Structures are given as C-alpha cells and as structure tokens.
C-alpha cells in the first residue's frame, strides 16, 4: 500500500491511501515458511514440554530431544532452537538435570 500523510488545515494529520497492493513484496514459499521462528520454536507452555522435561531428567542428549519434537509435532526446530528451549526450561526454575559430555 502506498499512503500519503497530509497535514490538514486544522493542524491535524490524516492518512490518504494512494494505491493498494495485494501481493507480497518478497518471495513466499514453504521452504521460507519453515524457517520462520514461530514455526520452529516450542513455547514453554506447549504440551510437548512435559516430554522434553522427562527426556532432560533421563539425561538424554539434545539429539534425542530434537527427534522427540520432530516426531510429535509440526515444529521444525533446529538444534540451536532445541538448545535454546533447554536453556529456557532450565531458567524457568524447575529442578531439571541435563547431561553434559562429561557427566556419563
């Protein structure tokens, strides 16, 4: 949309639509959509979280949590997204233990 913001005679401002455009000004595809953070990230309020917490308590690694989320939801998380989710769950104050490479 192309708009003009003129100042009126009484000193107020208004918006005048000059041209309406009904298409995207960027490329749109399923591949691009899969990279949007909203489709990749799992909220800490998600029904998946209890399963993720169980895996964390069971000392499972990031790859196992990644597989669990991919198999049980439409979220297309990256490994970085999984690590960020684990960090958010740890910060939430719950007593969760997560395996490190040296803890086994």
Protein backbone atom coordinates (compact mmCIF):
# COMPACT_ATOMS: atom_id res chain seq x y z
CA UNK A 1 0.00 0.00 0.00
CA UNK A 2 1.21 3.44 -0.84
CA UNK A 3 -0.09 6.12 1.51
CA UNK A 4 0.30 9.83 1.88
CA UNK A 5 0.19 11.55 5.28
CA UNK A 6 -1.03 15.11 4.68
CA UNK A 7 -1.43 17.79 7.29
CA UNK A 8 -4.94 19.19 7.31
CA UNK A 9 -5.88 22.88 7.53
CA UNK A 10 -6.82 22.49 11.21
CA UNK A 11 -3.31 21.22 12.04
CA UNK A 12 -4.25 17.55 12.42
CA UNK A 13 -2.76 14.77 10.34
CA UNK A 14 -4.57 12.28 8.12
CA UNK A 15 -3.77 9.26 6.01
CA UNK A 16 -4.71 9.08 2.36
CA UNK A 17 -4.33 5.72 0.59
CA UNK A 18 -2.87 6.33 -2.85
CA UNK A 19 -2.52 2.77 -4.11
CA UNK A 20 -3.40 -0.66 -2.73
CA UNK A 21 -1.13 -3.60 -3.48
CA UNK A 22 -2.36 -7.13 -2.84
CA UNK A 23 0.80 -9.16 -3.23
CA UNK A 24 3.94 -9.83 -1.20
CA UNK A 25 6.97 -7.65 -1.72
CA UNK A 26 9.18 -10.67 -1.02
CA UNK A 27 9.41 -14.29 -2.07
CA UNK A 28 6.97 -16.67 -0.33
CA UNK A 29 7.43 -20.44 -0.31
CA UNK A 30 7.03 -23.43 2.02
CA UNK A 31 10.82 -23.56 2.44
CA UNK A 32 10.96 -19.96 3.63
CA UNK A 33 7.97 -20.51 5.93
CA UNK A 34 9.76 -23.43 7.62
CA UNK A 35 12.49 -21.02 8.72
CA UNK A 36 10.15 -18.59 10.48
CA UNK A 37 10.86 -18.58 14.24
CA UNK A 38 7.17 -19.04 15.07
CA UNK A 39 7.00 -22.41 13.33
CA UNK A 40 10.39 -23.52 14.67
CA UNK A 41 10.11 -22.64 18.34
CA UNK A 42 8.27 -24.51 21.06
CA UNK A 43 6.69 -22.41 23.80
CA UNK A 44 7.40 -23.34 27.42
CA UNK A 45 3.59 -23.71 27.67
CA UNK A 46 3.46 -26.31 24.86
CA UNK A 47 2.04 -29.80 25.50
CA UNK A 48 5.44 -31.10 24.32
CA UNK A 49 7.26 -29.66 27.33
CA UNK A 50 6.47 -32.47 29.82
CA UNK A 51 8.02 -34.97 27.39
CA UNK A 52 11.05 -32.75 26.88
CA UNK A 53 11.43 -32.36 30.66
CA UNK A 54 11.24 -36.14 31.06
CA UNK A 55 13.98 -36.60 28.47
CA UNK A 56 16.09 -33.98 30.24
CA UNK A 57 15.62 -35.72 33.59
CA UNK A 58 16.56 -39.00 31.92
CA UNK A 59 19.88 -37.46 30.91
CA UNK A 60 19.04 -37.67 27.20
CA UNK A 61 21.03 -35.51 24.83
CA UNK A 62 19.97 -32.69 22.56
CA UNK A 63 19.63 -35.05 19.57
CA UNK A 64 17.05 -37.19 21.40
CA UNK A 65 15.02 -34.14 22.36
CA UNK A 66 15.26 -32.89 18.76
CA UNK A 67 13.93 -36.22 17.45
CA UNK A 68 11.12 -36.26 20.04
CA UNK A 69 9.91 -32.81 19.00
CA UNK A 70 10.16 -33.58 15.27
CA UNK A 71 8.22 -36.85 15.67
CA UNK A 72 5.49 -35.42 17.90
CA UNK A 73 4.75 -32.01 16.40
CA UNK A 74 4.79 -29.86 13.29
CA UNK A 75 7.58 -27.69 14.73
CA UNK A 76 10.67 -27.73 12.52
CA UNK A 77 13.25 -26.83 15.11
CA UNK A 78 16.95 -26.58 14.51
CA UNK A 79 19.44 -27.96 17.02
CA UNK A 80 20.09 -24.38 18.13
CA UNK A 81 16.35 -23.97 18.79
CA UNK A 82 16.44 -27.14 20.93
CA UNK A 83 19.41 -25.86 22.93
CA UNK A 84 17.59 -22.54 23.44
CA UNK A 85 14.46 -24.39 24.63
CA UNK A 86 16.55 -26.39 27.10
CA UNK A 87 18.05 -23.14 28.38
CA UNK A 88 14.61 -21.56 28.79
CA UNK A 89 13.35 -24.61 30.68
CA UNK A 90 16.39 -24.52 32.97
CA UNK A 91 15.86 -20.81 33.65
CA UNK A 92 12.20 -21.41 34.47
CA UNK A 93 13.35 -22.60 37.89
CA UNK A 94 12.49 -26.26 37.57
CA UNK A 95 14.90 -28.81 39.01
CA UNK A 96 15.97 -30.40 35.73
CA UNK A 97 19.30 -32.03 35.11
CA UNK A 98 20.76 -32.24 31.65
CA UNK A 99 23.61 -34.46 30.57
CA UNK A 100 26.88 -32.85 29.60
CA UNK A 101 29.53 -34.68 27.58
CA UNK A 102 31.44 -35.40 30.81
CA UNK A 103 28.53 -36.46 33.04
CA UNK A 104 28.11 -40.02 31.77
